[in-house]
Amino acid sequence: MPSRRRPLSAAALLAALVLLLVFAVHPGAAAQLPLLPGSVPSASVAERCTPAVKATNGTTTAGQASTVTVSGLGTACAGKELALTLFDDAGAALAAGSTDLAGGGSATVAVPGYAPADVAGVALTIGTWGVPGIWTYEPSVDAPMVSCTVLNDPTGTKTCDVTDVRVDAWGYPEPDNFNFYATVTSPSEAEDVEWELTLNLADPGYKLNANVADSNNGVTLAPGWSCSEMPLVKLRGQESVSTKYVGGGKTVTVWVQGKAASSPTSGGSLFNCS
C-alpha cells in the first residue's frame, strides 16, 4: 500500500517560521550551527621547500671541523633559514648552527668545532619545517692509509707505530677482496701502551672499497664505531687475548680481510656495511 505523507503539525510549522525569522534578523546565527561532516572547510598547507637533504662535514684538520655542507636544497628554499644540529650515537648534541639560504643547491653552515667521526646524524629545519637529513662523513683526503693512536697517555709522552704494512688483493676482472697485514709497535720500555689503529679504506693502497670485513679475535672495532664513519675504520686490541697493549718488546700483528660487496650480503665478523 503506497505511503501517504502526513501534513505538518501546527507546532512544527510554528518552529520553522521562528527559525526563518531568527536567520533573517540575525544572519550570523547560522555560523553557530555545527557543520556536517561533508561540509568541513579545507585549508591549504605550505609544503617543505625540499623533500630531503644531504649533510657532510667541512674540511677536517686534526680530526676537527667547523662547518657543515648541506646539499639537495630546492630553489623554493631561497630566503628561508636553515638550522641544524649534529648529534652522536647517544643522541647528544655535538654542534649546532644556522644560516639564511640564498637559493637552491648547497649551503655551508658554520658551527662550533666538532669531530666528524663522532657524528651519528643530523636534525634540520628549513623555514621552521623539519626536513629529513642524511649524514655522510667524508674524511680528509690526506688521511693516511693507516695510523696509530695511543689511548692511555694524556701527557703525550707515549707513542705507537705501524710497521710491515702489506695488502694482497685478488679478484676478477677487478679486485674485490684483500688481505691487510700490519704490525703495531711502541718504543715504550714497558708493555703499557694501549693502541688504536685507524684504517682509511678509501686509500688506493687497499685497491678496492671494502664494505665487509673479517678478522681474527686479535682485534675488535673501537667502541661506538658505526658504518657512518666509513671509509675510516678504528680497530683496537683485546685484553682477553693479550693484544690490548704493546711496548717492552711486545708487538701485535693485525690481519683484516676486506671485501667489496655490490649488494647487501651476509657475513663480516668484523663489520658489514653492505
Protein backbone atom coordinates (compact mmCIF):
# COMPACT_ATOMS: atom_id res chain seq x y z
CA MET A 1 0.00 0.00 0.00
CA PRO A 2 1.61 3.32 -1.00
CA SER A 3 2.72 5.52 1.87
CA ARG A 4 0.93 8.75 2.49
CA ARG A 5 2.62 11.96 3.56
CA ARG A 6 1.31 13.31 6.80
CA PRO A 7 0.69 17.05 6.98
CA LEU A 8 2.97 19.06 9.26
CA SER A 9 1.50 19.81 12.63
CA ALA A 10 0.87 23.36 13.71
CA ALA A 11 3.73 23.13 16.20
CA ALA A 12 6.23 22.10 13.51
CA LEU A 13 5.11 24.92 11.21
CA LEU A 14 5.49 27.42 14.03
CA ALA A 15 9.05 26.21 14.84
CA ALA A 16 10.10 26.53 11.19
CA LEU A 17 8.76 30.07 10.99
CA VAL A 18 10.67 31.04 14.15
CA LEU A 19 14.00 29.77 12.69
CA LEU A 20 13.42 31.68 9.44
CA LEU A 21 12.77 34.86 11.38
CA VAL A 22 15.93 34.40 13.50
CA PHE A 23 18.18 33.92 10.41
CA ALA A 24 16.52 36.88 8.66
CA VAL A 25 17.14 39.23 11.61
CA HIS A 26 20.50 37.72 12.73
CA PRO A 27 22.24 36.10 9.74
CA GLY A 28 25.34 35.43 11.88
CA ALA A 29 23.39 32.98 13.98
CA ALA A 30 23.76 30.42 11.22
CA ALA A 31 27.52 30.42 11.75
CA GLN A 32 26.97 28.97 15.21
CA LEU A 33 25.33 25.85 13.89
CA PRO A 34 27.53 22.70 13.84
CA LEU A 35 28.90 21.77 10.41
CA LEU A 36 28.03 18.47 8.85
CA PRO A 37 31.00 16.13 8.18
CA GLY A 38 30.76 16.71 4.43
CA SER A 39 30.92 20.47 4.80
CA VAL A 40 34.17 20.86 6.83
CA PRO A 41 36.19 23.64 5.14
CA SER A 42 39.64 22.76 3.77
CA ALA A 43 42.79 24.87 4.12
CA SER A 44 45.93 24.69 2.03
CA VAL A 45 49.15 23.97 3.99
CA ALA A 46 52.59 25.10 2.78
CA GLU A 47 54.91 22.21 1.89
CA ARG A 48 58.61 21.72 2.59
CA CYS A 49 60.81 23.56 0.13
CA THR A 50 62.76 20.34 -0.42
CA PRO A 51 61.89 16.72 0.46
CA ALA A 52 65.29 15.77 1.94
CA VAL A 53 68.90 16.93 2.08
CA LYS A 54 72.39 15.50 2.48
CA ALA A 55 74.77 16.86 5.12
CA THR A 56 78.55 16.34 5.15
CA ASN A 57 81.40 17.68 7.23
CA GLY A 58 83.60 20.51 6.03
CA THR A 59 87.39 20.38 5.82
CA THR A 60 88.85 18.33 8.66
CA THR A 61 92.01 19.40 10.46
CA ALA A 62 93.44 17.23 13.23
CA GLY A 63 90.13 15.40 13.38
CA GLN A 64 88.07 18.57 13.84
CA ALA A 65 85.75 20.51 11.51
CA SER A 66 83.86 23.78 11.95
CA THR A 67 81.44 23.74 9.02
CA VAL A 68 78.70 21.53 7.61
CA THR A 69 77.82 21.40 3.92
CA VAL A 70 74.12 20.84 3.14
CA SER A 71 73.19 19.83 -0.42
CA GLY A 72 69.97 18.94 -2.23
CA LEU A 73 68.25 22.25 -1.46
CA GLY A 74 65.31 23.19 -3.68
CA THR A 75 65.03 26.64 -5.26
CA ALA A 76 61.95 27.27 -3.12
CA CYS A 77 64.23 27.31 -0.07
CA ALA A 78 65.63 30.73 -1.03
CA GLY A 79 65.13 33.30 1.71
CA LYS A 80 64.43 30.72 4.42
CA GLU A 81 66.55 29.98 7.48
CA LEU A 82 68.28 26.60 7.69
CA ALA A 83 69.05 25.43 11.22
CA LEU A 84 70.80 22.17 12.04
CA THR A 85 72.10 20.16 14.99
CA LEU A 86 74.65 17.36 14.82
CA PHE A 87 74.23 14.53 17.32
CA ASP A 88 76.14 11.42 18.37
CA ASP A 89 75.10 7.78 18.82
CA ALA A 90 73.57 8.58 22.22
CA GLY A 91 71.50 11.44 20.78
CA ALA A 92 73.59 14.14 22.48
CA ALA A 93 74.08 17.38 20.56
CA LEU A 94 77.64 17.93 19.30
CA ALA A 95 77.28 21.24 17.42
CA ALA A 96 74.56 23.49 16.03
CA GLY A 97 74.30 26.43 13.66
CA SER A 98 72.08 28.22 11.18
CA THR A 99 72.23 30.30 8.01
CA ASP A 100 69.89 32.16 5.67
CA LEU A 101 69.62 30.42 2.30
CA ALA A 102 70.32 32.40 -0.86
CA GLY A 103 68.86 29.78 -3.19
CA GLY A 104 68.83 26.11 -4.08
CA GLY A 105 71.75 23.72 -4.49
CA SER A 106 74.02 23.68 -1.45
CA ALA A 107 74.90 25.84 1.54
CA THR A 108 77.64 25.93 4.16
CA VAL A 109 76.70 26.28 7.82
CA ALA A 110 79.28 27.45 10.38
CA VAL A 111 79.18 25.59 13.70
CA PRO A 112 81.43 25.26 16.76
CA GLY A 113 84.30 22.81 16.34
CA TYR A 114 83.29 19.13 16.33
CA ALA A 115 84.74 15.73 15.47
CA PRO A 116 83.03 14.47 12.28
CA ALA A 117 83.91 10.88 13.17
CA ASP A 118 81.69 11.18 16.27
CA VAL A 119 78.59 12.35 14.36
CA ALA A 120 75.81 9.80 14.01
CA GLY A 121 73.17 12.01 12.38
CA VAL A 122 71.78 15.47 11.78
CA ALA A 123 68.45 17.17 12.57
CA LEU A 124 67.42 20.06 10.30
CA THR A 125 64.70 22.64 9.87
CA ILE A 126 64.24 24.95 6.89
CA GLY A 127 61.83 27.81 7.46
CA THR A 128 60.68 26.02 10.68
CA TRP A 129 59.81 22.87 8.69
CA GLY A 130 61.53 19.66 9.77
CA VAL A 131 63.44 18.21 6.80
CA PRO A 132 64.94 14.68 6.70
CA GLY A 133 68.74 14.84 6.57
CA ILE A 134 71.22 12.11 5.63
CA TRP A 135 74.61 12.48 7.31
CA THR A 136 77.71 11.35 5.41
CA TYR A 137 81.17 11.53 6.94
CA GLU A 138 83.84 12.48 4.42
CA PRO A 139 87.31 12.10 5.93
CA SER A 140 90.08 14.43 4.89
CA VAL A 141 91.68 13.35 1.63
CA ASP A 142 95.08 13.45 3.31
CA ALA A 143 94.14 10.82 5.92
CA PRO A 144 96.90 8.19 5.82
CA MET A 145 96.31 4.62 4.77
CA VAL A 146 96.78 3.50 8.40
CA SER A 147 97.76 5.36 11.56
CA CYS A 148 98.20 4.54 15.26
CA THR A 149 96.96 6.48 18.28
CA VAL A 150 97.79 5.95 21.97
CA LEU A 151 94.67 5.77 24.12
CA ASN A 152 96.07 5.79 27.67
CA ASP A 153 98.54 8.67 27.69
CA PRO A 154 97.05 12.15 28.19
CA THR A 155 100.55 13.62 28.58
CA GLY A 156 101.51 12.65 25.02
CA THR A 157 104.80 11.03 26.00
CA LYS A 158 103.94 7.55 24.71
CA THR A 159 103.85 6.68 21.02
CA CYS A 160 102.89 3.75 18.84
CA ASP A 161 103.87 2.89 15.28
CA VAL A 162 102.57 0.77 12.40
CA THR A 163 105.14 -1.28 10.50
CA ASP A 164 105.25 -4.11 7.95
CA VAL A 165 102.09 -2.86 6.22
CA ARG A 166 101.08 -5.13 3.34
CA VAL A 167 97.96 -5.56 1.20
CA ASP A 168 97.32 -8.60 -1.01
CA ALA A 169 94.32 -8.12 -3.32
CA TRP A 170 92.61 -10.56 -5.65
CA GLY A 171 89.52 -10.95 -7.82
CA TYR A 172 88.49 -10.92 -11.48
CA PRO A 173 88.15 -8.88 -13.60
CA GLU A 174 88.73 -6.28 -10.84
CA PRO A 175 90.00 -6.98 -7.32
CA ASP A 176 87.13 -7.45 -4.88
CA ASN A 177 88.97 -8.96 -1.89
CA PHE A 178 92.10 -8.08 0.04
CA ASN A 179 94.17 -9.21 3.00
CA PHE A 180 95.60 -6.38 5.09
CA TYR A 181 98.55 -7.03 7.39
CA ALA A 182 100.30 -4.66 9.79
CA THR A 183 102.36 -4.78 12.98
CA VAL A 184 101.67 -2.44 15.91
CA THR A 185 104.77 -1.50 17.93
CA SER A 186 105.88 1.03 20.54
CA PRO A 187 109.29 2.20 21.76
CA SER A 188 107.98 2.21 25.32
CA GLU A 189 110.16 0.20 27.71
CA ALA A 190 107.09 -1.42 29.27
CA GLU A 191 104.10 -3.24 27.83
CA ASP A 192 101.81 -0.38 28.77
CA VAL A 193 100.74 1.34 25.53
CA GLU A 194 97.04 0.92 24.69
CA TRP A 195 96.67 1.43 20.93
CA GLU A 196 94.08 2.16 18.28
CA LEU A 197 94.56 1.83 14.53
CA THR A 198 92.64 3.93 12.01
CA LEU A 199 92.37 2.40 8.54
CA ASN A 200 91.41 4.73 5.70
CA LEU A 201 89.80 2.24 3.31
CA ALA A 202 89.50 4.97 0.66
CA ASP A 203 93.26 4.92 0.22
CA PRO A 204 94.22 3.44 -3.18
CA GLY A 205 96.67 1.16 -1.38
CA TYR A 206 93.77 -1.14 -0.50
CA LYS A 207 92.97 -1.48 -4.24
CA LEU A 208 89.19 -1.66 -3.59
CA ASN A 209 86.50 -0.03 -1.47
CA ALA A 210 85.72 -2.72 1.06
CA ASN A 211 82.39 -2.59 2.90
CA VAL A 212 82.53 -6.04 4.54
CA ALA A 213 85.43 -7.33 6.64
CA ASP A 214 86.54 -10.31 8.70
CA SER A 215 89.38 -10.67 11.18
CA ASN A 216 90.66 -12.96 13.86
CA ASN A 217 89.98 -12.26 17.52
CA GLY A 218 93.19 -10.25 17.85
CA VAL A 219 91.37 -7.01 17.07
CA THR A 220 87.92 -5.53 17.55
CA LEU A 221 86.14 -2.38 16.47
CA ALA A 222 86.54 0.68 18.66
CA PRO A 223 83.53 1.20 20.96
CA GLY A 224 80.85 3.28 19.29
CA TRP A 225 82.20 2.81 15.78
CA SER A 226 79.47 2.60 13.13
CA CYS A 227 79.21 2.32 9.36
CA SER A 228 78.51 6.06 9.19
CA GLU A 229 82.25 6.57 9.78
CA MET A 230 83.26 4.68 6.64
CA PRO A 231 85.73 4.70 4.96
CA LEU A 232 87.59 5.13 8.27
CA VAL A 233 87.68 2.02 10.43
CA LYS A 234 89.01 2.10 14.00
CA LEU A 235 90.50 -1.07 15.49
CA ARG A 236 91.75 -1.93 18.97
CA GLY A 237 93.36 -4.90 20.63
CA GLN A 238 91.63 -7.13 23.16
CA GLU A 239 92.73 -7.79 26.70
CA SER A 240 91.29 -11.31 26.63
CA VAL A 241 93.86 -12.39 24.02
CA SER A 242 96.71 -10.13 25.19
CA THR A 243 96.64 -7.77 22.20
CA LYS A 244 95.43 -4.64 24.01
CA TYR A 245 98.90 -3.32 24.87
CA VAL A 246 102.23 -3.05 23.08
CA GLY A 247 105.67 -1.93 24.23
CA GLY A 248 108.52 -3.52 26.16
CA GLY A 249 109.29 -5.60 23.08
CA LYS A 250 105.67 -6.76 22.70
CA THR A 251 104.11 -6.24 19.25
CA VAL A 252 100.70 -7.11 17.79
CA THR A 253 100.09 -8.36 14.25
CA VAL A 254 96.82 -7.14 12.73
CA TRP A 255 95.04 -9.02 9.96
CA VAL A 256 91.87 -7.85 8.18
CA GLN A 257 90.23 -9.45 5.15
CA GLY A 258 88.14 -6.93 3.26
CA LYS A 259 85.53 -7.49 0.58
CA ALA A 260 83.69 -5.16 -1.81
CA ALA A 261 80.02 -6.23 -1.87
CA SER A 262 77.91 -4.65 -4.61
CA SER A 263 74.66 -5.52 -2.78
CA PRO A 264 73.65 -6.34 0.81
CA THR A 265 75.20 -9.63 1.85
CA SER A 266 75.70 -11.75 4.95
CA GLY A 267 78.95 -12.35 6.78
CA GLY A 268 81.58 -9.97 8.03
CA SER A 269 82.72 -10.93 11.53
CA LEU A 270 84.41 -7.53 11.95
CA PHE A 271 81.85 -5.30 10.21
CA ASN A 272 79.22 -5.43 7.48
CA CYS A 273 78.30 -2.13 5.85
CA SER A 274 76.94 -3.60 2.62
